[in-house]
């Protein structure tokens, strides 16, 4: 996590991420978030970003991932309905 590296809060980084990555419309919207809310939104963004990069790199779609996941769940349950 970014904040584990340095105990000082980098407000420029928070404003940049809030506007450029999280899609907030203004600096005012960003600074109104609590640090906990900001980090929750940033964590969600990271998960989506990682998933989309994985799909792009593997030339795969969400539908294919979902089908594979369902197939694995069926295997784990042993076909029990």
N, C-alpha and C. Protein backbone atom coordinates (compact mmCIF):
# COMPACT_ATOMS: atom_id res chain seq x y z
N UNK A 1 0.85 -1.17 0.00
CA UNK A 1 0.00 0.00 0.00
C UNK A 1 0.89 1.24 0.00
N UNK A 2 0.45 2.25 -0.67
CA UNK A 2 1.24 3.47 -0.84
C UNK A 2 1.59 4.12 0.49
N UNK A 3 0.65 4.17 1.43
CA UNK A 3 0.85 4.91 2.67
C UNK A 3 1.79 4.20 3.66
N UNK A 4 2.10 2.94 3.40
CA UNK A 4 3.03 2.23 4.27
C UNK A 4 4.47 2.68 4.06
N UNK A 5 4.75 3.31 2.93
CA UNK A 5 6.11 3.71 2.60
C UNK A 5 6.57 4.93 3.39
N UNK A 6 5.67 5.86 3.63
CA UNK A 6 6.04 7.11 4.27
C UNK A 6 4.88 7.57 5.13
N UNK A 7 5.13 7.90 6.39
CA UNK A 7 4.02 8.29 7.26
C UNK A 7 3.38 9.63 6.87
N UNK A 8 4.08 10.46 6.10
CA UNK A 8 3.52 11.75 5.67
C UNK A 8 2.49 11.50 4.56
N UNK A 9 1.40 12.25 4.59
CA UNK A 9 0.35 12.09 3.59
C UNK A 9 0.70 12.97 2.39
N UNK A 10 0.71 12.37 1.23
CA UNK A 10 1.02 13.08 -0.02
C UNK A 10 -0.30 13.54 -0.64
N UNK A 11 -0.70 14.77 -0.33
CA UNK A 11 -1.99 15.26 -0.80
C UNK A 11 -2.02 15.43 -2.32
N UNK A 12 -0.90 15.74 -2.93
CA UNK A 12 -0.87 15.85 -4.39
C UNK A 12 -1.21 14.51 -5.03
N UNK A 13 -0.67 13.43 -4.48
CA UNK A 13 -0.95 12.09 -5.00
C UNK A 13 -2.43 11.76 -4.81
N UNK A 14 -2.98 12.08 -3.64
CA UNK A 14 -4.39 11.81 -3.36
C UNK A 14 -5.29 12.57 -4.33
N UNK A 15 -4.98 13.84 -4.57
CA UNK A 15 -5.77 14.63 -5.50
C UNK A 15 -5.66 14.08 -6.93
N UNK A 16 -4.46 13.71 -7.33
CA UNK A 16 -4.27 13.15 -8.67
C UNK A 16 -5.07 11.86 -8.84
N UNK A 17 -4.93 10.94 -7.92
CA UNK A 17 -5.63 9.66 -8.02
C UNK A 17 -7.14 9.87 -7.97
N UNK A 18 -7.59 10.74 -7.09
CA UNK A 18 -9.02 11.00 -6.98
C UNK A 18 -9.62 11.53 -8.26
N UNK A 19 -8.91 12.41 -8.93
CA UNK A 19 -9.45 13.00 -10.17
C UNK A 19 -9.17 12.12 -11.38
N UNK A 20 -7.92 11.67 -11.53
CA UNK A 20 -7.52 10.95 -12.75
C UNK A 20 -7.94 9.49 -12.77
N UNK A 21 -7.94 8.85 -11.62
CA UNK A 21 -8.22 7.42 -11.59
C UNK A 21 -9.61 7.08 -11.05
N UNK A 22 -10.06 7.80 -10.06
CA UNK A 22 -11.36 7.49 -9.46
C UNK A 22 -12.50 8.26 -10.12
N UNK A 23 -12.17 9.21 -10.97
CA UNK A 23 -13.18 9.91 -11.74
C UNK A 23 -13.96 10.98 -10.99
N UNK A 24 -13.45 11.45 -9.88
CA UNK A 24 -14.13 12.52 -9.17
C UNK A 24 -13.95 13.82 -9.94
N UNK A 25 -14.97 14.67 -9.91
CA UNK A 25 -15.01 15.84 -10.79
C UNK A 25 -14.15 17.01 -10.32
N UNK A 26 -13.89 17.11 -9.03
CA UNK A 26 -13.14 18.27 -8.54
C UNK A 26 -12.28 17.90 -7.35
N UNK A 27 -11.32 18.75 -7.06
CA UNK A 27 -10.48 18.56 -5.88
C UNK A 27 -11.34 18.58 -4.62
N UNK A 28 -12.35 19.41 -4.65
CA UNK A 28 -13.24 19.51 -3.49
C UNK A 28 -13.91 18.17 -3.16
N UNK A 29 -14.34 17.45 -4.21
CA UNK A 29 -14.93 16.13 -3.99
C UNK A 29 -13.92 15.17 -3.37
N UNK A 30 -12.68 15.27 -3.83
CA UNK A 30 -11.64 14.37 -3.32
C UNK A 30 -11.36 14.65 -1.85
N UNK A 31 -11.18 15.92 -1.48
CA UNK A 31 -10.81 16.24 -0.11
C UNK A 31 -11.96 16.02 0.87
N UNK A 32 -13.18 15.91 0.37
CA UNK A 32 -14.31 15.63 1.26
C UNK A 32 -14.39 14.16 1.67
N UNK A 33 -13.68 13.31 0.96
CA UNK A 33 -13.65 11.90 1.33
C UNK A 33 -12.78 11.72 2.57
N UNK A 34 -13.19 10.82 3.44
CA UNK A 34 -12.29 10.45 4.53
C UNK A 34 -11.18 9.59 3.94
N UNK A 35 -10.08 9.48 4.63
CA UNK A 35 -8.98 8.66 4.14
C UNK A 35 -9.44 7.21 3.98
N UNK A 36 -10.28 6.76 4.90
CA UNK A 36 -10.81 5.38 4.82
C UNK A 36 -11.65 5.20 3.55
N UNK A 37 -12.54 6.15 3.24
CA UNK A 37 -13.35 6.07 2.04
C UNK A 37 -12.49 6.14 0.78
N UNK A 38 -11.51 7.04 0.78
CA UNK A 38 -10.61 7.16 -0.36
C UNK A 38 -9.89 5.84 -0.61
N UNK A 39 -9.34 5.25 0.44
CA UNK A 39 -8.59 4.01 0.28
C UNK A 39 -9.49 2.86 -0.15
N UNK A 40 -10.73 2.82 0.32
CA UNK A 40 -11.68 1.78 -0.11
C UNK A 40 -11.95 1.92 -1.61
N UNK A 41 -12.17 3.14 -2.07
CA UNK A 41 -12.41 3.37 -3.50
C UNK A 41 -11.16 3.05 -4.32
N UNK A 42 -10.00 3.41 -3.81
CA UNK A 42 -8.76 3.15 -4.51
C UNK A 42 -8.49 1.65 -4.60
N UNK A 43 -8.77 0.93 -3.54
CA UNK A 43 -8.60 -0.53 -3.55
C UNK A 43 -9.52 -1.17 -4.59
N UNK A 44 -10.77 -0.72 -4.65
CA UNK A 44 -11.72 -1.24 -5.64
C UNK A 44 -11.21 -0.93 -7.05
N UNK A 45 -10.70 0.28 -7.25
CA UNK A 45 -10.15 0.65 -8.55
C UNK A 45 -8.99 -0.28 -8.92
N UNK A 46 -8.11 -0.55 -7.97
CA UNK A 46 -6.96 -1.42 -8.24
C UNK A 46 -7.41 -2.82 -8.66
N UNK A 47 -8.43 -3.34 -8.01
CA UNK A 47 -8.93 -4.68 -8.36
C UNK A 47 -9.48 -4.70 -9.79
N UNK A 48 -10.26 -3.69 -10.15
CA UNK A 48 -10.82 -3.62 -11.50
C UNK A 48 -9.71 -3.45 -12.53
N UNK A 49 -8.76 -2.58 -12.23
CA UNK A 49 -7.64 -2.33 -13.14
C UNK A 49 -6.84 -3.62 -13.36
N UNK A 50 -6.54 -4.33 -12.28
CA UNK A 50 -5.79 -5.58 -12.40
C UNK A 50 -6.55 -6.62 -13.22
N UNK A 51 -7.86 -6.74 -12.98
CA UNK A 51 -8.68 -7.70 -13.71
C UNK A 51 -8.71 -7.36 -15.19
N UNK A 52 -8.90 -6.08 -15.52
CA UNK A 52 -8.95 -5.68 -16.93
C UNK A 52 -7.61 -5.90 -17.62
N UNK A 53 -6.52 -5.63 -16.93
CA UNK A 53 -5.19 -5.89 -17.52
C UNK A 53 -4.97 -7.38 -17.74
N UNK A 54 -5.41 -8.20 -16.79
CA UNK A 54 -5.27 -9.65 -16.92
C UNK A 54 -6.08 -10.14 -18.13
N UNK A 55 -7.29 -9.63 -18.28
CA UNK A 55 -8.14 -10.03 -19.41
C UNK A 55 -7.50 -9.59 -20.73
N UNK A 56 -6.99 -8.38 -20.77
CA UNK A 56 -6.37 -7.86 -21.99
C UNK A 56 -5.13 -8.68 -22.36
N UNK A 57 -4.32 -8.99 -21.37
CA UNK A 57 -3.09 -9.75 -21.63
C UNK A 57 -3.39 -11.17 -22.08
N UNK A 58 -4.45 -11.75 -21.54
CA UNK A 58 -4.81 -13.12 -21.88
C UNK A 58 -5.78 -13.22 -23.04
N UNK A 59 -6.11 -12.07 -23.64
CA UNK A 59 -7.06 -12.02 -24.75
C UNK A 59 -8.34 -12.79 -24.41
N UNK A 60 -8.91 -12.43 -23.26
CA UNK A 60 -10.07 -13.11 -22.71
C UNK A 60 -11.17 -12.10 -22.42
N UNK A 61 -12.39 -12.58 -22.22
CA UNK A 61 -13.51 -11.69 -21.90
C UNK A 61 -14.06 -12.03 -20.52
N UNK A 62 -14.90 -11.13 -20.01
CA UNK A 62 -15.55 -11.39 -18.72
C UNK A 62 -16.41 -12.66 -18.81
N UNK A 63 -17.08 -12.85 -19.94
CA UNK A 63 -17.94 -14.03 -20.11
C UNK A 63 -17.11 -15.32 -20.02
N UNK A 64 -15.93 -15.32 -20.62
CA UNK A 64 -15.06 -16.50 -20.55
C UNK A 64 -14.59 -16.75 -19.12
N UNK A 65 -14.26 -15.69 -18.41
CA UNK A 65 -13.82 -15.84 -17.01
C UNK A 65 -14.97 -16.39 -16.16
N UNK A 66 -16.18 -15.86 -16.37
CA UNK A 66 -17.34 -16.33 -15.62
C UNK A 66 -17.62 -17.80 -15.91
N UNK A 67 -17.56 -18.21 -17.19
CA UNK A 67 -17.79 -19.61 -17.55
C UNK A 67 -16.75 -20.52 -16.91
N UNK A 68 -15.50 -20.09 -16.91
CA UNK A 68 -14.43 -20.89 -16.30
C UNK A 68 -14.65 -21.01 -14.79
N UNK A 69 -15.06 -19.90 -14.16
CA UNK A 69 -15.31 -19.90 -12.73
C UNK A 69 -16.46 -20.84 -12.38
N UNK A 70 -17.53 -20.81 -13.17
CA UNK A 70 -18.67 -21.70 -12.94
C UNK A 70 -18.28 -23.15 -13.12
N UNK A 71 -17.43 -23.42 -14.11
CA UNK A 71 -16.96 -24.78 -14.35
C UNK A 71 -16.13 -25.28 -13.16
N UNK A 72 -15.28 -24.41 -12.61
CA UNK A 72 -14.47 -24.79 -11.45
C UNK A 72 -15.34 -25.02 -10.22
N UNK A 73 -16.39 -24.21 -10.06
CA UNK A 73 -17.29 -24.39 -8.92
C UNK A 73 -18.05 -25.72 -9.03
N UNK A 74 -18.46 -26.07 -10.25
CA UNK A 74 -19.14 -27.36 -10.45
C UNK A 74 -18.21 -28.50 -10.10
N UNK A 75 -16.95 -28.40 -10.49
CA UNK A 75 -15.99 -29.44 -10.18
C UNK A 75 -15.79 -29.58 -8.69
N UNK A 76 -15.69 -28.43 -8.00
CA UNK A 76 -15.48 -28.45 -6.54
C UNK A 76 -16.68 -29.06 -5.81
N UNK A 77 -17.88 -28.78 -6.30
CA UNK A 77 -19.08 -29.31 -5.65
C UNK A 77 -19.37 -30.74 -6.07
N UNK A 78 -18.68 -31.21 -7.09
CA UNK A 78 -18.86 -32.58 -7.53
C UNK A 78 -20.20 -32.80 -8.22
N UNK A 79 -20.73 -31.75 -8.84
CA UNK A 79 -21.99 -31.88 -9.57
C UNK A 79 -23.21 -31.91 -8.67
N UNK A 80 -23.06 -31.60 -7.38
CA UNK A 80 -24.19 -31.60 -6.44
C UNK A 80 -25.00 -30.32 -6.66
N UNK A 81 -26.31 -30.48 -6.79
CA UNK A 81 -27.18 -29.32 -6.99
C UNK A 81 -27.88 -28.95 -5.72
